[in-house]
Amino acid sequence: KITRLVEYATNRSLPVVIVCASGGARMQEGSLSLMQMAKISSASYNYQSDKKLFYVSILTSPTTGGVTASFGMLGD
């Protein structure tokens, strides 16, 4: 859903504000959840590099693990 949000904003030249709150992915979630973070990061990178649009990432407590390593720290 987050990837679709970023793609929607890219196509319409809209700013993106994401509020992150995550304790990290659990081992039981497997590789699918890990790949979703990479997918979101890729969409965010395209959003910022192609269109130079405004992306704000608000990190709440706790925000750790993969979210911090991926799209959480990519904001302006």
Protein backbone atom coordinates (compact mmCIF):
# COMPACT_ATOMS: atom_id res chain seq x y z
CA LYS A 1 0.00 0.00 0.00
CA ILE A 2 2.85 2.37 0.73
CA THR A 3 4.41 1.68 -2.67
CA ARG A 4 1.10 2.47 -4.34
CA LEU A 5 0.90 5.71 -2.35
CA VAL A 6 4.36 6.79 -3.51
CA GLU A 7 3.59 5.86 -7.13
CA TYR A 8 0.29 7.78 -6.96
CA ALA A 9 2.10 10.84 -5.59
CA THR A 10 4.80 10.54 -8.27
CA ASN A 11 2.26 10.45 -11.10
CA ARG A 12 0.40 13.47 -9.72
CA SER A 13 3.43 15.46 -8.43
CA LEU A 14 2.17 15.44 -4.84
CA PRO A 15 4.25 15.62 -1.63
CA VAL A 16 4.45 12.51 0.57
CA VAL A 17 4.35 12.48 4.38
CA ILE A 18 4.84 9.08 6.04
CA VAL A 19 4.55 8.50 9.79
CA CYS A 20 6.63 5.45 10.72
CA ALA A 21 6.17 3.29 13.80
CA SER A 22 7.73 -0.16 13.67
CA GLY A 23 9.53 -2.42 16.06
CA GLY A 24 11.03 -4.28 13.12
CA ALA A 25 10.05 -7.32 11.10
CA ARG A 26 9.70 -10.64 12.88
CA MET A 27 11.47 -13.77 11.71
CA GLN A 28 8.09 -15.45 11.16
CA GLU A 29 7.18 -12.94 8.47
CA GLY A 30 9.86 -14.32 6.17
CA SER A 31 11.46 -12.85 3.10
CA LEU A 32 8.23 -11.33 1.74
CA SER A 33 8.23 -8.57 4.36
CA LEU A 34 11.93 -7.93 3.70
CA MET A 35 11.31 -7.52 -0.02
CA GLN A 36 8.41 -5.12 0.62
CA MET A 37 10.79 -2.70 2.34
CA ALA A 38 13.12 -2.82 -0.68
CA LYS A 39 10.13 -2.23 -2.97
CA ILE A 40 9.08 0.83 -0.95
CA SER A 41 12.66 2.16 -0.92
CA SER A 42 12.90 1.78 -4.69
CA ALA A 43 9.64 3.67 -5.24
CA SER A 44 10.79 6.40 -2.83
CA TYR A 45 14.11 6.73 -4.64
CA ASN A 46 12.35 7.09 -8.00
CA TYR A 47 9.98 9.63 -6.46
CA GLN A 48 12.82 11.81 -5.22
CA SER A 49 15.30 11.40 -8.08
CA ASP A 50 12.95 11.65 -11.07
CA LYS A 51 10.54 14.36 -9.98
CA LYS A 52 12.47 16.04 -7.13
CA LEU A 53 9.33 16.04 -4.99
CA PHE A 54 9.02 16.65 -1.25
CA TYR A 55 9.11 13.53 0.96
CA VAL A 56 8.84 13.78 4.75
CA SER A 57 9.33 10.77 6.99
CA ILE A 58 8.21 11.23 10.61
CA LEU A 59 9.85 8.65 12.87
CA THR A 60 7.95 7.83 16.05
CA SER A 61 8.98 5.63 18.95
CA PRO A 62 9.72 2.81 18.36
CA THR A 63 11.03 2.86 14.82
CA THR A 64 13.78 0.29 14.46
CA GLY A 65 15.02 -2.42 12.15
CA GLY A 66 14.20 -2.55 8.48
CA VAL A 67 11.99 0.53 8.41
CA THR A 68 14.85 2.65 9.71
CA ALA A 69 17.26 1.02 7.26
CA SER A 70 14.94 1.48 4.29
CA PHE A 71 12.28 4.13 3.66
CA GLY A 72 12.34 5.68 7.15
CA MET A 73 15.63 7.49 6.57
CA LEU A 74 15.06 8.49 2.94
CA GLY A 75 12.98 11.58 3.68
CA ASP A 76 13.98 15.17 3.07
